[in-house]
N, C-alpha and C. Protein backbone atom coordinates (compact mmCIF):
# COMPACT_ATOMS: atom_id res chain seq x y z
N MET A 1 -8.44 8.61 -4.88
CA MET A 1 -8.13 9.66 -5.83
C MET A 1 -7.01 10.51 -5.26
N ASN A 2 -5.96 10.64 -6.04
CA ASN A 2 -4.84 11.42 -5.54
C ASN A 2 -4.53 12.64 -6.41
N GLY A 3 -5.21 12.80 -7.53
CA GLY A 3 -5.00 13.97 -8.36
C GLY A 3 -3.80 13.91 -9.26
N ARG A 4 -3.07 12.78 -9.26
CA ARG A 4 -1.95 12.66 -10.19
C ARG A 4 -2.50 12.75 -11.61
N HIS A 5 -1.80 13.46 -12.46
CA HIS A 5 -2.27 13.62 -13.83
C HIS A 5 -1.09 13.59 -14.79
N PHE A 6 -1.37 13.22 -16.01
CA PHE A 6 -0.37 13.09 -17.05
C PHE A 6 -1.07 13.28 -18.38
N GLN A 7 -0.28 13.41 -19.42
CA GLN A 7 -0.86 13.66 -20.74
C GLN A 7 -0.16 12.77 -21.75
N HIS A 8 -0.95 12.08 -22.55
CA HIS A 8 -0.45 11.29 -23.68
C HIS A 8 -1.32 11.60 -24.88
N GLU A 9 -0.72 11.66 -26.05
CA GLU A 9 -1.49 11.85 -27.27
C GLU A 9 -1.15 10.71 -28.22
N TYR A 10 -2.18 10.12 -28.77
CA TYR A 10 -2.02 9.06 -29.76
C TYR A 10 -2.71 9.50 -31.04
N PRO A 11 -2.27 8.98 -32.20
CA PRO A 11 -2.86 9.40 -33.47
C PRO A 11 -4.36 9.10 -33.58
N LYS A 12 -4.80 8.05 -32.91
CA LYS A 12 -6.22 7.69 -32.94
C LYS A 12 -6.49 6.75 -31.78
N LEU A 13 -7.77 6.52 -31.54
CA LEU A 13 -8.15 5.59 -30.48
C LEU A 13 -8.44 4.24 -31.12
N ASN A 14 -7.58 3.29 -30.85
CA ASN A 14 -7.83 1.91 -31.27
C ASN A 14 -7.25 0.98 -30.21
N GLY A 15 -7.48 -0.29 -30.38
CA GLY A 15 -7.04 -1.26 -29.39
C GLY A 15 -5.54 -1.28 -29.17
N ASP A 16 -4.77 -1.14 -30.24
CA ASP A 16 -3.31 -1.17 -30.10
C ASP A 16 -2.80 0.01 -29.27
N TYR A 17 -3.28 1.21 -29.57
CA TYR A 17 -2.84 2.37 -28.81
C TYR A 17 -3.36 2.32 -27.38
N PHE A 18 -4.58 1.83 -27.20
CA PHE A 18 -5.11 1.74 -25.84
C PHE A 18 -4.30 0.73 -25.03
N GLN A 19 -3.89 -0.37 -25.66
CA GLN A 19 -3.05 -1.35 -24.97
C GLN A 19 -1.72 -0.73 -24.58
N GLN A 20 -1.14 0.08 -25.48
CA GLN A 20 0.12 0.76 -25.16
C GLN A 20 -0.06 1.65 -23.92
N PHE A 21 -1.19 2.37 -23.90
CA PHE A 21 -1.47 3.24 -22.76
C PHE A 21 -1.61 2.42 -21.48
N LEU A 22 -2.37 1.33 -21.52
CA LEU A 22 -2.56 0.50 -20.32
C LEU A 22 -1.23 -0.05 -19.82
N ASP A 23 -0.39 -0.51 -20.74
CA ASP A 23 0.91 -1.05 -20.34
C ASP A 23 1.77 0.04 -19.70
N TRP A 24 1.76 1.24 -20.29
CA TRP A 24 2.51 2.35 -19.73
C TRP A 24 1.98 2.70 -18.33
N LEU A 25 0.64 2.82 -18.21
CA LEU A 25 0.04 3.17 -16.93
C LEU A 25 0.37 2.12 -15.87
N SER A 26 0.30 0.88 -16.22
CA SER A 26 0.62 -0.20 -15.29
C SER A 26 2.05 -0.06 -14.76
N GLN A 27 2.97 0.25 -15.66
CA GLN A 27 4.36 0.46 -15.24
C GLN A 27 4.48 1.63 -14.28
N GLN A 28 3.78 2.72 -14.59
CA GLN A 28 3.84 3.90 -13.74
C GLN A 28 3.28 3.62 -12.35
N LEU A 29 2.27 2.77 -12.29
CA LEU A 29 1.65 2.46 -11.00
C LEU A 29 2.54 1.61 -10.11
N GLY A 30 3.39 0.81 -10.70
CA GLY A 30 4.24 -0.08 -9.92
C GLY A 30 3.40 -1.04 -9.10
N GLU A 31 3.53 -0.98 -7.79
CA GLU A 31 2.78 -1.87 -6.89
C GLU A 31 1.38 -1.34 -6.57
N ASP A 32 1.08 -0.11 -6.96
CA ASP A 32 -0.23 0.48 -6.69
C ASP A 32 -1.27 -0.06 -7.67
N TYR A 33 -2.53 0.18 -7.34
CA TYR A 33 -3.66 -0.20 -8.19
C TYR A 33 -4.39 1.05 -8.61
N ALA A 34 -5.09 0.95 -9.75
CA ALA A 34 -5.92 2.07 -10.22
C ALA A 34 -7.23 1.52 -10.74
N ILE A 35 -8.29 2.27 -10.50
CA ILE A 35 -9.56 2.01 -11.13
C ILE A 35 -9.65 2.99 -12.28
N LEU A 36 -9.79 2.46 -13.49
CA LEU A 36 -9.83 3.30 -14.68
C LEU A 36 -11.24 3.33 -15.23
N GLN A 37 -11.89 4.47 -15.10
CA GLN A 37 -13.26 4.61 -15.61
C GLN A 37 -13.18 4.86 -17.10
N ILE A 38 -13.90 4.03 -17.87
CA ILE A 38 -13.84 4.12 -19.33
C ILE A 38 -15.24 4.07 -19.91
N ASP A 39 -15.37 4.67 -21.09
CA ASP A 39 -16.64 4.54 -21.80
C ASP A 39 -16.61 3.21 -22.57
N GLN A 40 -17.63 2.95 -23.33
CA GLN A 40 -17.72 1.66 -24.00
C GLN A 40 -17.28 1.72 -25.46
N ALA A 41 -16.29 2.56 -25.72
CA ALA A 41 -15.70 2.60 -27.07
C ALA A 41 -15.14 1.22 -27.40
N PRO A 42 -15.25 0.79 -28.65
CA PRO A 42 -14.73 -0.54 -29.02
C PRO A 42 -13.28 -0.77 -28.60
N ALA A 43 -12.46 0.26 -28.68
CA ALA A 43 -11.06 0.11 -28.27
C ALA A 43 -10.93 -0.25 -26.80
N HIS A 44 -11.87 0.22 -25.97
CA HIS A 44 -11.83 -0.05 -24.54
C HIS A 44 -12.39 -1.41 -24.17
N THR A 45 -13.29 -1.93 -24.99
CA THR A 45 -14.00 -3.16 -24.62
C THR A 45 -13.60 -4.36 -25.45
N SER A 46 -12.63 -4.22 -26.30
CA SER A 46 -12.20 -5.32 -27.16
C SER A 46 -11.71 -6.50 -26.33
N SER A 47 -12.04 -7.69 -26.78
CA SER A 47 -11.57 -8.89 -26.07
C SER A 47 -10.06 -9.07 -26.24
N ALA A 48 -9.47 -8.34 -27.18
CA ALA A 48 -8.02 -8.43 -27.38
C ALA A 48 -7.24 -7.64 -26.32
N ILE A 49 -7.92 -6.77 -25.59
CA ILE A 49 -7.23 -5.98 -24.56
C ILE A 49 -6.79 -6.90 -23.43
N ARG A 50 -5.52 -6.78 -23.06
CA ARG A 50 -4.95 -7.53 -21.93
C ARG A 50 -4.83 -6.55 -20.77
N TRP A 51 -5.76 -6.66 -19.84
CA TRP A 51 -5.78 -5.74 -18.69
C TRP A 51 -4.70 -6.12 -17.70
N PRO A 52 -3.79 -5.20 -17.40
CA PRO A 52 -2.79 -5.48 -16.37
C PRO A 52 -3.49 -5.74 -15.03
N GLU A 53 -2.86 -6.53 -14.20
CA GLU A 53 -3.46 -6.89 -12.91
C GLU A 53 -3.69 -5.70 -11.99
N ASN A 54 -2.92 -4.64 -12.16
CA ASN A 54 -3.04 -3.50 -11.25
C ASN A 54 -3.96 -2.39 -11.79
N ILE A 55 -4.69 -2.67 -12.87
CA ILE A 55 -5.66 -1.71 -13.41
C ILE A 55 -7.02 -2.40 -13.47
N ILE A 56 -7.98 -1.80 -12.80
CA ILE A 56 -9.33 -2.36 -12.74
C ILE A 56 -10.24 -1.49 -13.61
N PRO A 57 -10.79 -2.06 -14.70
CA PRO A 57 -11.67 -1.26 -15.55
C PRO A 57 -13.04 -1.05 -14.90
N LEU A 58 -13.56 0.15 -15.02
CA LEU A 58 -14.90 0.47 -14.55
C LEU A 58 -15.65 1.05 -15.74
N LEU A 59 -16.55 0.24 -16.33
CA LEU A 59 -17.31 0.66 -17.50
C LEU A 59 -18.46 1.57 -17.11
N GLN A 60 -18.56 2.70 -17.77
CA GLN A 60 -19.71 3.56 -17.54
C GLN A 60 -20.82 3.16 -18.50
N PRO A 61 -22.06 3.49 -18.18
CA PRO A 61 -23.17 3.15 -19.06
C PRO A 61 -22.99 3.77 -20.45
N PRO A 62 -23.55 3.14 -21.48
CA PRO A 62 -23.43 3.70 -22.84
C PRO A 62 -24.05 5.10 -22.92
N HIS A 63 -23.49 5.92 -23.78
CA HIS A 63 -24.02 7.25 -24.09
C HIS A 63 -24.18 8.11 -22.84
N SER A 64 -23.19 8.09 -21.96
CA SER A 64 -23.28 8.88 -20.72
C SER A 64 -21.97 9.60 -20.41
N PRO A 65 -21.50 10.45 -21.32
CA PRO A 65 -20.24 11.15 -21.07
C PRO A 65 -20.28 12.01 -19.82
N GLU A 66 -21.48 12.41 -19.41
CA GLU A 66 -21.59 13.26 -18.21
C GLU A 66 -21.15 12.53 -16.95
N LEU A 67 -21.05 11.20 -17.01
CA LEU A 67 -20.60 10.42 -15.86
C LEU A 67 -19.09 10.23 -15.84
N ASN A 68 -18.43 10.63 -16.90
CA ASN A 68 -16.99 10.40 -17.01
C ASN A 68 -16.24 11.62 -16.48
N PRO A 69 -15.48 11.46 -15.40
CA PRO A 69 -14.77 12.60 -14.80
C PRO A 69 -13.83 13.31 -15.76
N ILE A 70 -13.26 12.60 -16.73
CA ILE A 70 -12.30 13.24 -17.63
C ILE A 70 -12.98 14.30 -18.49
N GLU A 71 -14.27 14.16 -18.74
CA GLU A 71 -14.98 15.16 -19.55
C GLU A 71 -14.94 16.53 -18.89
N ARG A 72 -15.03 16.57 -17.58
CA ARG A 72 -14.95 17.86 -16.87
C ARG A 72 -13.56 18.46 -16.99
N LEU A 73 -12.55 17.61 -16.97
CA LEU A 73 -11.19 18.12 -17.12
C LEU A 73 -10.98 18.66 -18.53
N TRP A 74 -11.47 17.93 -19.56
CA TRP A 74 -11.35 18.42 -20.94
C TRP A 74 -12.03 19.79 -21.06
N GLU A 75 -13.20 19.92 -20.48
CA GLU A 75 -13.93 21.19 -20.53
C GLU A 75 -13.07 22.32 -19.96
N PHE A 76 -12.43 22.05 -18.84
CA PHE A 76 -11.57 23.04 -18.20
C PHE A 76 -10.38 23.40 -19.11
N LEU A 77 -9.76 22.40 -19.72
CA LEU A 77 -8.58 22.63 -20.55
C LEU A 77 -8.91 23.32 -21.87
N LYS A 78 -10.11 23.11 -22.38
CA LYS A 78 -10.49 23.67 -23.68
C LYS A 78 -10.98 25.11 -23.61
N LYS A 79 -11.17 25.64 -22.42
CA LYS A 79 -11.66 27.02 -22.30
C LYS A 79 -10.82 28.02 -23.09
N PRO A 80 -9.49 27.90 -23.13
CA PRO A 80 -8.70 28.87 -23.90
C PRO A 80 -9.01 28.85 -25.40
N LEU A 81 -9.59 27.77 -25.89
CA LEU A 81 -9.89 27.66 -27.32
C LEU A 81 -11.32 28.07 -27.64
N LYS A 82 -12.01 28.61 -26.67
CA LYS A 82 -13.40 28.98 -26.87
C LYS A 82 -13.55 29.90 -28.08
N ASN A 83 -14.55 29.62 -28.88
CA ASN A 83 -14.89 30.36 -30.10
C ASN A 83 -13.89 30.17 -31.23
N GLU A 84 -12.98 29.24 -31.12
CA GLU A 84 -12.07 28.91 -32.21
C GLU A 84 -12.59 27.63 -32.85
N LEU A 85 -12.74 27.63 -34.17
CA LEU A 85 -13.27 26.46 -34.87
C LEU A 85 -12.21 25.87 -35.79
N PHE A 86 -12.06 24.57 -35.72
CA PHE A 86 -11.13 23.85 -36.56
C PHE A 86 -11.84 22.61 -37.07
N SER A 87 -11.67 22.29 -38.33
CA SER A 87 -12.39 21.15 -38.91
C SER A 87 -11.80 19.81 -38.48
N SER A 88 -10.56 19.82 -38.02
CA SER A 88 -9.92 18.58 -37.59
C SER A 88 -8.75 18.90 -36.68
N LEU A 89 -8.26 17.88 -36.01
CA LEU A 89 -7.08 18.07 -35.16
C LEU A 89 -5.88 18.47 -36.02
N GLN A 90 -5.76 17.88 -37.20
CA GLN A 90 -4.65 18.23 -38.09
C GLN A 90 -4.74 19.68 -38.54
N ASN A 91 -5.97 20.15 -38.80
CA ASN A 91 -6.18 21.55 -39.18
C ASN A 91 -5.70 22.47 -38.06
N LEU A 92 -6.02 22.12 -36.83
CA LEU A 92 -5.56 22.90 -35.68
C LEU A 92 -4.04 22.92 -35.64
N ARG A 93 -3.43 21.76 -35.84
CA ARG A 93 -1.97 21.68 -35.79
C ARG A 93 -1.31 22.51 -36.89
N ASP A 94 -1.97 22.61 -38.05
CA ASP A 94 -1.37 23.28 -39.20
C ASP A 94 -1.55 24.79 -39.19
N THR A 95 -2.35 25.34 -38.30
CA THR A 95 -2.57 26.79 -38.27
C THR A 95 -1.39 27.48 -37.60
N PRO A 96 -1.14 28.73 -37.94
CA PRO A 96 -0.06 29.47 -37.28
C PRO A 96 -0.28 29.60 -35.78
N LEU A 97 -1.55 29.59 -35.38
CA LEU A 97 -1.82 29.72 -33.96
C LEU A 97 -1.69 28.40 -33.21
N ALA A 98 -1.48 27.30 -33.92
CA ALA A 98 -1.46 25.99 -33.29
C ALA A 98 -0.46 25.91 -32.14
N LEU A 99 0.73 26.43 -32.37
CA LEU A 99 1.73 26.38 -31.31
C LEU A 99 1.28 27.19 -30.11
N SER A 100 0.65 28.31 -30.39
CA SER A 100 0.15 29.14 -29.30
C SER A 100 -0.92 28.41 -28.50
N PHE A 101 -1.89 27.78 -29.20
CA PHE A 101 -2.95 27.03 -28.51
C PHE A 101 -2.36 25.86 -27.74
N ALA A 102 -1.51 25.09 -28.41
CA ALA A 102 -0.92 23.92 -27.76
C ALA A 102 -0.12 24.35 -26.54
N TYR A 103 0.62 25.44 -26.68
CA TYR A 103 1.41 25.94 -25.57
C TYR A 103 0.51 26.36 -24.41
N ARG A 104 -0.58 27.08 -24.73
CA ARG A 104 -1.49 27.54 -23.68
C ARG A 104 -2.13 26.36 -22.95
N ILE A 105 -2.58 25.38 -23.69
CA ILE A 105 -3.20 24.22 -23.06
C ILE A 105 -2.17 23.46 -22.22
N GLN A 106 -0.97 23.29 -22.75
CA GLN A 106 0.08 22.60 -22.01
C GLN A 106 0.42 23.35 -20.73
N GLU A 107 0.47 24.67 -20.82
CA GLU A 107 0.75 25.49 -19.64
C GLU A 107 -0.33 25.30 -18.57
N ILE A 108 -1.58 25.35 -18.98
CA ILE A 108 -2.68 25.15 -18.03
C ILE A 108 -2.57 23.76 -17.41
N PHE A 109 -2.32 22.77 -18.25
CA PHE A 109 -2.21 21.39 -17.75
C PHE A 109 -1.06 21.28 -16.75
N ASN A 110 0.08 21.85 -17.10
CA ASN A 110 1.26 21.76 -16.23
C ASN A 110 1.07 22.48 -14.90
N GLN A 111 0.22 23.51 -14.88
CA GLN A 111 0.00 24.27 -13.66
C GLN A 111 -1.06 23.66 -12.75
N LEU A 112 -1.77 22.65 -13.24
CA LEU A 112 -2.79 22.01 -12.41
C LEU A 112 -2.15 21.34 -11.21
N THR A 113 -2.73 21.57 -10.06
CA THR A 113 -2.27 20.88 -8.86
C THR A 113 -3.11 19.63 -8.68
N PRO A 114 -2.63 18.65 -7.93
CA PRO A 114 -3.45 17.47 -7.65
C PRO A 114 -4.80 17.85 -7.03
N GLU A 115 -4.81 18.86 -6.19
CA GLU A 115 -6.07 19.29 -5.55
C GLU A 115 -7.06 19.82 -6.59
N GLN A 116 -6.56 20.56 -7.59
CA GLN A 116 -7.44 21.07 -8.64
C GLN A 116 -8.01 19.92 -9.48
N VAL A 117 -7.17 18.95 -9.81
CA VAL A 117 -7.64 17.81 -10.59
C VAL A 117 -8.74 17.08 -9.84
N ILE A 118 -8.54 16.87 -8.56
CA ILE A 118 -9.56 16.20 -7.75
C ILE A 118 -10.84 17.04 -7.74
N SER A 119 -10.71 18.33 -7.55
CA SER A 119 -11.88 19.21 -7.50
C SER A 119 -12.64 19.20 -8.82
N ILE A 120 -11.93 19.26 -9.94
CA ILE A 120 -12.56 19.31 -11.26
C ILE A 120 -13.20 17.97 -11.63
N SER A 121 -12.53 16.88 -11.31
CA SER A 121 -12.96 15.58 -11.84
C SER A 121 -13.69 14.68 -10.84
N SER A 122 -13.81 15.09 -9.61
CA SER A 122 -14.44 14.22 -8.61
C SER A 122 -15.96 14.31 -8.67
N TYR A 123 -16.58 13.18 -8.54
CA TYR A 123 -18.03 13.08 -8.40
C TYR A 123 -18.29 12.37 -7.07
N ASN A 124 -19.22 12.86 -6.29
CA ASN A 124 -19.51 12.25 -4.99
C ASN A 124 -19.84 10.77 -5.11
N PHE A 125 -20.61 10.39 -6.15
CA PHE A 125 -20.99 8.98 -6.25
C PHE A 125 -19.79 8.07 -6.50
N ILE A 126 -18.77 8.59 -7.18
CA ILE A 126 -17.56 7.79 -7.40
C ILE A 126 -16.80 7.66 -6.09
N LEU A 127 -16.63 8.77 -5.38
CA LEU A 127 -15.92 8.72 -4.11
C LEU A 127 -16.63 7.80 -3.12
N GLU A 128 -17.96 7.89 -3.05
CA GLU A 128 -18.72 7.02 -2.13
C GLU A 128 -18.52 5.56 -2.51
N ALA A 129 -18.54 5.25 -3.81
CA ALA A 129 -18.36 3.86 -4.24
C ALA A 129 -16.96 3.36 -3.87
N LEU A 130 -15.95 4.23 -4.04
CA LEU A 130 -14.58 3.82 -3.70
C LEU A 130 -14.43 3.59 -2.20
N PHE A 131 -15.01 4.49 -1.39
CA PHE A 131 -14.93 4.31 0.04
C PHE A 131 -15.67 3.04 0.48
N TYR A 132 -16.81 2.79 -0.14
CA TYR A 132 -17.59 1.59 0.16
C TYR A 132 -16.79 0.33 -0.19
N ALA A 133 -16.19 0.34 -1.39
CA ALA A 133 -15.40 -0.83 -1.82
C ALA A 133 -14.18 -1.03 -0.92
N ALA A 134 -13.56 0.06 -0.49
CA ALA A 134 -12.37 -0.04 0.37
C ALA A 134 -12.71 -0.57 1.76
N SER A 135 -13.97 -0.45 2.15
CA SER A 135 -14.34 -0.89 3.51
C SER A 135 -14.51 -2.40 3.59
N TYR A 136 -14.47 -3.09 2.45
CA TYR A 136 -14.63 -4.55 2.45
C TYR A 136 -13.34 -5.27 2.27
């Protein structure tokens, strides 16, 4: 875990967009490898997905978002929107405050250091598993 972070937004989660993300991530990694922890959403588990050689999928158990490190990061990023209700993402985008919210979240995201990302998203059991796997 190195704390590198980035942000991409897609119109929806489906196999085509997930494949675009995987291809982009693979390019960014170059010669490096990544273990990508994913839930069991159909877009993530489709047989049509072509996993790049430098990305290793790690499926988490069904119905267990608490095991997904990204959920802790989302929680951290969403704090500025606390007590604001929007019926949809498009509704949020269409409000006069949308630019303000988007700007605030982007600012928080941009100010995150790799150390903060590691602190927010690290779970001891994941780190132990990675160290164990690296020892073989």
